[in-house]
Amino acid sequence: MKSGDALRLKRAIESDRMSMTATSTELIVKDLETVLQDYFKLSGSPSLSINYKDGSYVVEITFKADALKTFAVLPA
């Protein structure tokens, strides 16, 4: 096997391992929404993008909020 073929196969396997089902993504978005609602008045559900690039995951979370909620900061 040529080194280029091996690298392509490695990337394909990593990509398959990374692939998330729609159900998994929905669960993460629900969890994110619950946490974000503690700090923001959301005007919709967050969106989530997960991509595998150069040996690591790039995770992007996007959401819109109408306002910030007040919250207390715990002393260190």
N, C-alpha and C. Protein backbone atom coordinates (compact mmCIF):
# COMPACT_ATOMS: atom_id res chain seq x y z
N MET A 1 0.85 -1.17 0.00
CA MET A 1 0.00 0.00 0.00
C MET A 1 0.89 1.24 0.00
N LYS A 2 0.60 2.16 -0.87
CA LYS A 2 1.37 3.41 -0.94
C LYS A 2 1.05 4.28 0.27
N SER A 3 2.01 5.14 0.63
CA SER A 3 1.81 5.99 1.82
C SER A 3 0.62 6.93 1.64
N GLY A 4 0.39 7.42 0.43
CA GLY A 4 -0.77 8.29 0.17
C GLY A 4 -2.08 7.55 0.38
N ASP A 5 -2.11 6.28 -0.05
CA ASP A 5 -3.32 5.46 0.16
C ASP A 5 -3.55 5.20 1.64
N ALA A 6 -2.47 4.95 2.38
CA ALA A 6 -2.59 4.70 3.82
C ALA A 6 -3.12 5.93 4.54
N LEU A 7 -2.63 7.10 4.16
CA LEU A 7 -3.08 8.34 4.77
C LEU A 7 -4.55 8.59 4.47
N ARG A 8 -4.95 8.34 3.25
CA ARG A 8 -6.36 8.52 2.87
C ARG A 8 -7.25 7.56 3.65
N LEU A 9 -6.81 6.31 3.81
CA LEU A 9 -7.56 5.32 4.58
C LEU A 9 -7.67 5.74 6.04
N LYS A 10 -6.56 6.22 6.61
CA LYS A 10 -6.56 6.69 8.00
C LYS A 10 -7.57 7.82 8.18
N ARG A 11 -7.58 8.77 7.26
CA ARG A 11 -8.53 9.89 7.35
C ARG A 11 -9.97 9.42 7.23
N ALA A 12 -10.22 8.45 6.36
CA ALA A 12 -11.57 7.92 6.19
C ALA A 12 -12.05 7.24 7.47
N ILE A 13 -11.15 6.48 8.11
CA ILE A 13 -11.51 5.80 9.36
C ILE A 13 -11.78 6.82 10.46
N GLU A 14 -10.94 7.84 10.56
CA GLU A 14 -11.14 8.89 11.57
C GLU A 14 -12.44 9.62 11.34
N SER A 15 -12.75 9.88 10.08
CA SER A 15 -13.99 10.58 9.75
C SER A 15 -15.20 9.74 10.12
N ASP A 16 -15.15 8.44 9.85
CA ASP A 16 -16.26 7.56 10.21
C ASP A 16 -16.44 7.49 11.72
N ARG A 17 -15.34 7.46 12.45
CA ARG A 17 -15.38 7.39 13.91
C ARG A 17 -15.99 8.66 14.48
N MET A 18 -15.73 9.80 13.83
CA MET A 18 -16.20 11.09 14.32
C MET A 18 -17.67 11.32 14.02
N SER A 19 -18.19 10.69 12.99
CA SER A 19 -19.55 11.02 12.55
C SER A 19 -20.55 10.80 13.68
N MET A 20 -21.37 11.81 13.85
CA MET A 20 -22.38 11.78 14.91
C MET A 20 -23.74 11.60 14.27
N THR A 21 -24.57 10.90 14.97
CA THR A 21 -25.93 10.73 14.48
C THR A 21 -26.73 12.00 14.76
N ALA A 22 -27.83 12.13 14.10
CA ALA A 22 -28.71 13.28 14.33
C ALA A 22 -29.20 13.30 15.76
N THR A 23 -29.44 12.12 16.32
CA THR A 23 -29.90 12.02 17.71
C THR A 23 -28.84 12.54 18.67
N SER A 24 -27.58 12.18 18.43
CA SER A 24 -26.49 12.67 19.28
C SER A 24 -26.39 14.18 19.24
N THR A 25 -26.47 14.74 18.06
CA THR A 25 -26.41 16.19 17.90
C THR A 25 -27.58 16.87 18.61
N GLU A 26 -28.77 16.30 18.48
CA GLU A 26 -29.94 16.87 19.15
C GLU A 26 -29.77 16.87 20.66
N LEU A 27 -29.21 15.80 21.22
CA LEU A 27 -28.99 15.74 22.67
C LEU A 27 -28.00 16.80 23.14
N ILE A 28 -26.95 17.00 22.38
CA ILE A 28 -25.96 18.03 22.73
C ILE A 28 -26.60 19.41 22.67
N VAL A 29 -27.37 19.67 21.62
CA VAL A 29 -28.03 20.97 21.47
C VAL A 29 -29.00 21.22 22.63
N LYS A 30 -29.74 20.19 23.05
CA LYS A 30 -30.65 20.35 24.19
C LYS A 30 -29.89 20.69 25.46
N ASP A 31 -28.76 20.01 25.69
CA ASP A 31 -27.94 20.31 26.86
C ASP A 31 -27.39 21.73 26.81
N LEU A 32 -26.90 22.13 25.64
CA LEU A 32 -26.38 23.49 25.47
C LEU A 32 -27.47 24.52 25.75
N GLU A 33 -28.65 24.27 25.21
CA GLU A 33 -29.75 25.21 25.39
C GLU A 33 -30.09 25.38 26.87
N THR A 34 -30.08 24.28 27.62
CA THR A 34 -30.37 24.33 29.05
C THR A 34 -29.35 25.20 29.79
N VAL A 35 -28.08 25.01 29.47
CA VAL A 35 -27.02 25.80 30.13
C VAL A 35 -27.08 27.26 29.70
N LEU A 36 -27.24 27.51 28.41
CA LEU A 36 -27.26 28.88 27.91
C LEU A 36 -28.43 29.68 28.47
N GLN A 37 -29.56 29.01 28.74
CA GLN A 37 -30.72 29.70 29.28
C GLN A 37 -30.46 30.24 30.69
N ASP A 38 -29.44 29.71 31.37
CA ASP A 38 -29.07 30.25 32.68
C ASP A 38 -28.45 31.65 32.56
N TYR A 39 -27.88 31.96 31.42
CA TYR A 39 -27.13 33.20 31.23
C TYR A 39 -27.74 34.17 30.21
N PHE A 40 -28.58 33.66 29.32
CA PHE A 40 -29.14 34.47 28.24
C PHE A 40 -30.63 34.21 28.09
N LYS A 41 -31.34 35.21 27.57
CA LYS A 41 -32.73 35.01 27.14
C LYS A 41 -32.64 34.67 25.66
N LEU A 42 -32.72 33.38 25.35
CA LEU A 42 -32.54 32.90 23.98
C LEU A 42 -33.74 33.26 23.11
N SER A 43 -33.46 33.57 21.86
CA SER A 43 -34.54 33.86 20.91
C SER A 43 -34.70 32.73 19.90
N GLY A 44 -34.13 31.59 20.20
CA GLY A 44 -34.22 30.41 19.34
C GLY A 44 -33.28 29.35 19.86
N SER A 45 -33.31 28.21 19.23
CA SER A 45 -32.42 27.12 19.64
C SER A 45 -31.02 27.33 19.10
N PRO A 46 -30.00 26.90 19.84
CA PRO A 46 -28.63 27.00 19.34
C PRO A 46 -28.42 26.04 18.17
N SER A 47 -27.43 26.34 17.36
CA SER A 47 -27.03 25.40 16.30
C SER A 47 -25.61 24.93 16.60
N LEU A 48 -25.31 23.73 16.17
CA LEU A 48 -24.04 23.09 16.49
C LEU A 48 -23.41 22.54 15.22
N SER A 49 -22.12 22.78 15.07
CA SER A 49 -21.36 22.24 13.94
C SER A 49 -20.10 21.60 14.50
N ILE A 50 -19.86 20.33 14.13
CA ILE A 50 -18.67 19.62 14.58
C ILE A 50 -17.96 19.09 13.33
N ASN A 51 -16.70 19.49 13.16
CA ASN A 51 -15.91 19.04 12.02
C ASN A 51 -14.55 18.56 12.51
N TYR A 52 -14.04 17.53 11.86
CA TYR A 52 -12.72 16.99 12.17
C TYR A 52 -11.73 17.54 11.16
N LYS A 53 -10.68 18.20 11.64
CA LYS A 53 -9.71 18.79 10.73
C LYS A 53 -8.32 18.75 11.36
N ASP A 54 -7.37 18.25 10.62
CA ASP A 54 -5.97 18.23 11.03
C ASP A 54 -5.76 17.63 12.41
N GLY A 55 -6.44 16.53 12.68
CA GLY A 55 -6.22 15.81 13.92
C GLY A 55 -6.98 16.32 15.13
N SER A 56 -7.88 17.28 14.94
CA SER A 56 -8.67 17.76 16.08
C SER A 56 -10.06 18.15 15.61
N TYR A 57 -10.93 18.35 16.57
CA TYR A 57 -12.31 18.71 16.27
C TYR A 57 -12.49 20.22 16.35
N VAL A 58 -13.21 20.75 15.39
CA VAL A 58 -13.58 22.16 15.40
C VAL A 58 -15.08 22.18 15.72
N VAL A 59 -15.41 22.75 16.88
CA VAL A 59 -16.80 22.79 17.34
C VAL A 59 -17.27 24.23 17.34
N GLU A 60 -18.36 24.49 16.64
CA GLU A 60 -18.91 25.84 16.58
C GLU A 60 -20.35 25.82 17.09
N ILE A 61 -20.62 26.70 18.05
CA ILE A 61 -21.95 26.83 18.63
C ILE A 61 -22.43 28.24 18.31
N THR A 62 -23.61 28.34 17.72
CA THR A 62 -24.17 29.63 17.36
C THR A 62 -25.57 29.74 17.96
N PHE A 63 -25.84 30.91 18.55
CA PHE A 63 -27.18 31.14 19.08
C PHE A 63 -27.45 32.63 19.12
N LYS A 64 -28.74 32.98 19.17
CA LYS A 64 -29.16 34.38 19.29
C LYS A 64 -29.83 34.56 20.64
N ALA A 65 -29.56 35.70 21.24
CA ALA A 65 -30.16 36.01 22.53
C ALA A 65 -30.72 37.43 22.50
N ASP A 66 -31.85 37.61 23.16
CA ASP A 66 -32.47 38.93 23.26
C ASP A 66 -31.89 39.74 24.42
N ALA A 67 -31.36 39.04 25.42
CA ALA A 67 -30.85 39.74 26.59
C ALA A 67 -29.91 38.85 27.39
N LEU A 68 -29.09 39.49 28.18
CA LEU A 68 -28.25 38.80 29.16
C LEU A 68 -29.02 38.73 30.47
N LYS A 69 -28.90 37.63 31.16
CA LYS A 69 -29.52 37.52 32.47
C LYS A 69 -28.49 37.90 33.52
N THR A 70 -28.96 38.46 34.60
CA THR A 70 -28.04 38.80 35.68
C THR A 70 -27.77 37.52 36.49
N PHE A 71 -26.52 37.39 36.91
CA PHE A 71 -26.16 36.24 37.73
C PHE A 71 -25.00 36.66 38.64
N ALA A 72 -24.92 35.98 39.76
CA ALA A 72 -23.87 36.31 40.73
C ALA A 72 -22.63 35.49 40.44
N VAL A 73 -21.49 36.10 40.72
CA VAL A 73 -20.21 35.40 40.55
C VAL A 73 -19.78 34.92 41.93
N LEU A 74 -19.42 33.66 42.00
CA LEU A 74 -18.98 33.10 43.27
C LEU A 74 -17.56 33.56 43.58
N PRO A 75 -17.26 33.86 44.83
CA PRO A 75 -15.89 34.28 45.17
C PRO A 75 -14.91 33.13 44.95
N ALA A 76 -13.70 33.49 44.56
CA ALA A 76 -12.67 32.47 44.27
C ALA A 76 -12.10 31.88 45.51
